C-alpha atoms as a PDB file:
ATOM      1  CA  MET A   1      -5.555 -77.429  45.205  1.00  0.00           C
ATOM      2  CA  GLY A   2      -8.431 -79.762  46.039  1.00  0.00           C
ATOM      3  CA  LYS A   3     -10.449 -80.109  49.195  1.00  0.00           C
ATOM      4  CA  GLN A   4      -8.466 -80.917  52.322  1.00  0.00           C
ATOM      5  CA  TYR A   5      -9.094 -82.146  55.838  1.00  0.00           C
ATOM      6  CA  THR A   6      -6.968 -81.677  58.943  1.00  0.00           C
ATOM      7  CA  ILE A   7      -6.747 -83.991  61.952  1.00  0.00           C
ATOM      8  CA  THR A   8      -5.586 -82.109  65.038  1.00  0.00           C
ATOM      9  CA  TYR A   9      -6.316 -84.623  67.804  1.00  0.00           C
ATOM     10  CA  ILE A  10      -7.109 -88.338  68.023  1.00  0.00           C
ATOM     11  CA  THR A  11      -8.252 -90.325  71.053  1.00  0.00           C
ATOM     12  CA  GLY A  12      -7.253 -93.947  70.951  1.00  0.00           C
ATOM     13  CA  THR A  13      -4.030 -95.928  70.752  1.00  0.00           C
ATOM     14  CA  PRO A  14      -1.536 -95.146  67.950  1.00  0.00           C
ATOM     15  CA  GLU A  15      -0.893 -96.107  65.171  1.00  0.00           C
ATOM     16  CA  TYR A  16      -3.960 -94.948  63.288  1.00  0.00           C
ATOM     17  CA  ASN A  17      -5.077 -96.042  59.830  1.00  0.00           C
ATOM     18  CA  VAL A  18      -6.942 -93.248  58.055  1.00  0.00           C
ATOM     19  CA  PHE A  19      -9.608 -93.907  55.409  1.00  0.00           C
ATOM     20  CA  VAL A  20     -11.972 -91.740  53.364  1.00  0.00           C
ATOM     21  CA  CYS A  21     -15.440 -93.189  52.730  1.00  0.00           C
ATOM     22  CA  ASP A  22     -18.585 -92.224  50.885  1.00  0.00           C
ATOM     23  CA  SER A  23     -21.590 -91.031  52.884  1.00  0.00           C
ATOM     24  CA  THR A  24     -22.790 -94.621  53.433  1.00  0.00           C
ATOM     25  CA  GLY A  25     -19.472 -95.655  54.965  1.00  0.00           C
ATOM     26  CA  LEU A  26     -19.426 -98.761  52.767  1.00  0.00           C
ATOM     27  CA  ASN A  27     -16.981 -97.624  50.065  1.00  0.00           C
ATOM     28  CA  CYS A  28     -13.700 -96.676  51.710  1.00  0.00           C
ATOM     29  CA  VAL A  29     -10.172 -96.000  50.481  1.00  0.00           C
ATOM     30  CA  TYR A  30      -7.060 -96.219  52.674  1.00  0.00           C
ATOM     31  CA  LEU A  31      -5.197 -92.898  52.864  1.00  0.00           C
ATOM     32  CA  SER A  32      -2.341 -93.309  55.342  1.00  0.00           C
ATOM     33  CA  THR A  33      -1.071 -94.522  58.697  1.00  0.00           C
ATOM     34  CA  ILE A  34      -0.230 -91.810  61.229  1.00  0.00           C
ATOM     35  CA  THR A  35       0.858 -91.468  64.861  1.00  0.00           C
ATOM     36  CA  ASN A  36       0.334 -88.700  67.408  1.00  0.00           C
ATOM     37  CA  TYR A  37       3.711 -87.306  66.292  1.00  0.00           C
ATOM     38  CA  ASP A  38       2.236 -86.598  62.828  1.00  0.00           C
ATOM     39  CA  LEU A  39      -0.462 -84.282  64.245  1.00  0.00           C
ATOM     40  CA  PRO A  40      -1.712 -81.908  63.051  1.00  0.00           C
ATOM     41  CA  TYR A  41      -2.082 -83.919  59.850  1.00  0.00           C
ATOM     42  CA  THR A  42      -3.486 -82.426  56.635  1.00  0.00           C
ATOM     43  CA  GLN A  43      -4.237 -84.307  53.423  1.00  0.00           C
ATOM     44  CA  GLU A  44      -6.191 -83.710  50.235  1.00  0.00           C
ATOM     45  CA  ILE A  45      -9.366 -85.672  49.620  1.00  0.00           C
ATOM     46  CA  PRO A  46      -8.772 -87.947  46.602  1.00  0.00           C
ATOM     47  CA  ALA A  47     -11.135 -88.274  43.637  1.00  0.00           C
ATOM     48  CA  PRO A  48     -14.002 -89.136  43.448  1.00  0.00           C
ATOM     49  CA  PHE A  49     -14.580 -88.299  47.133  1.00  0.00           C
ATOM     50  CA  ASP A  50     -13.558 -84.664  46.550  1.00  0.00           C
ATOM     51  CA  THR A  51     -16.681 -84.119  44.428  1.00  0.00           C
ATOM     52  CA  MET A  52     -19.118 -85.594  46.964  1.00  0.00           C
ATOM     53  CA  SER A  53     -21.166 -83.208  49.091  1.00  0.00           C
ATOM     54  CA  THR A  54     -20.769 -85.521  52.118  1.00  0.00           C
ATOM     55  CA  PHE A  55     -17.937 -87.906  52.949  1.00  0.00           C
ATOM     56  CA  ILE A  56     -16.561 -89.686  56.004  1.00  0.00           C
ATOM     57  CA  ILE A  57     -13.076 -89.773  57.492  1.00  0.00           C
ATOM     58  CA  LYS A  58     -12.690 -93.067  59.360  1.00  0.00           C
ATOM     59  CA  ILE A  59      -9.750 -93.674  61.682  1.00  0.00           C
ATOM     60  CA  ILE A  60      -8.990 -97.134  63.079  1.00  0.00           C
ATOM     61  CA  ASP A  61      -6.524 -97.356  65.962  1.00  0.00           C
ATOM     62  CA  ILE A  62      -4.142-100.229  66.678  1.00  0.00           C
ATOM     63  CA  ASN A  63      -6.818-101.914  68.856  1.00  0.00           C
ATOM     64  CA  GLY A  64      -9.401-101.865  66.061  1.00  0.00           C
ATOM     65  CA  CYS A  65     -11.449 -99.017  67.581  1.00  0.00           C
ATOM     66  CA  GLU A  66     -13.101 -96.808  64.950  1.00  0.00           C
ATOM     67  CA  ILE A  67     -13.427 -93.048  65.051  1.00  0.00           C
ATOM     68  CA  ILE A  68     -15.807 -91.658  62.428  1.00  0.00           C
ATOM     69  CA  LYS A  69     -16.334 -88.037  61.429  1.00  0.00           C
ATOM     70  CA  VAL A  70     -18.857 -86.961  58.774  1.00  0.00           C
ATOM     71  CA  PHE A  71     -18.034 -83.896  56.668  1.00  0.00           C
ATOM     72  CA  SER A  72     -20.475 -81.947  54.509  1.00  0.00           C
ATOM     73  CA  TRP A  73     -19.466 -79.206  52.090  1.00  0.00           C
ATOM     74  CA  VAL A  74     -21.541 -76.074  52.030  1.00  0.00           C
ATOM     75  CA  HIS A  75     -22.052 -74.809  48.483  1.00  0.00           C
END
């Protein structure tokens, strides 16, 4: 099993589009669309992001508001 992240709570207006991005936030890949009913939501980090020491989970709500969380793996 690869690296995973879990979303337990989101502020904003559903539906939410979830993306994983590199540490610059410029290279992003769409992961899924979720609602508050899907929480808690767990998903594996896809390659090549799963090998990066730092990555970003970006969530965009239905109004276009962005929620950004930076994750760093401790080796």
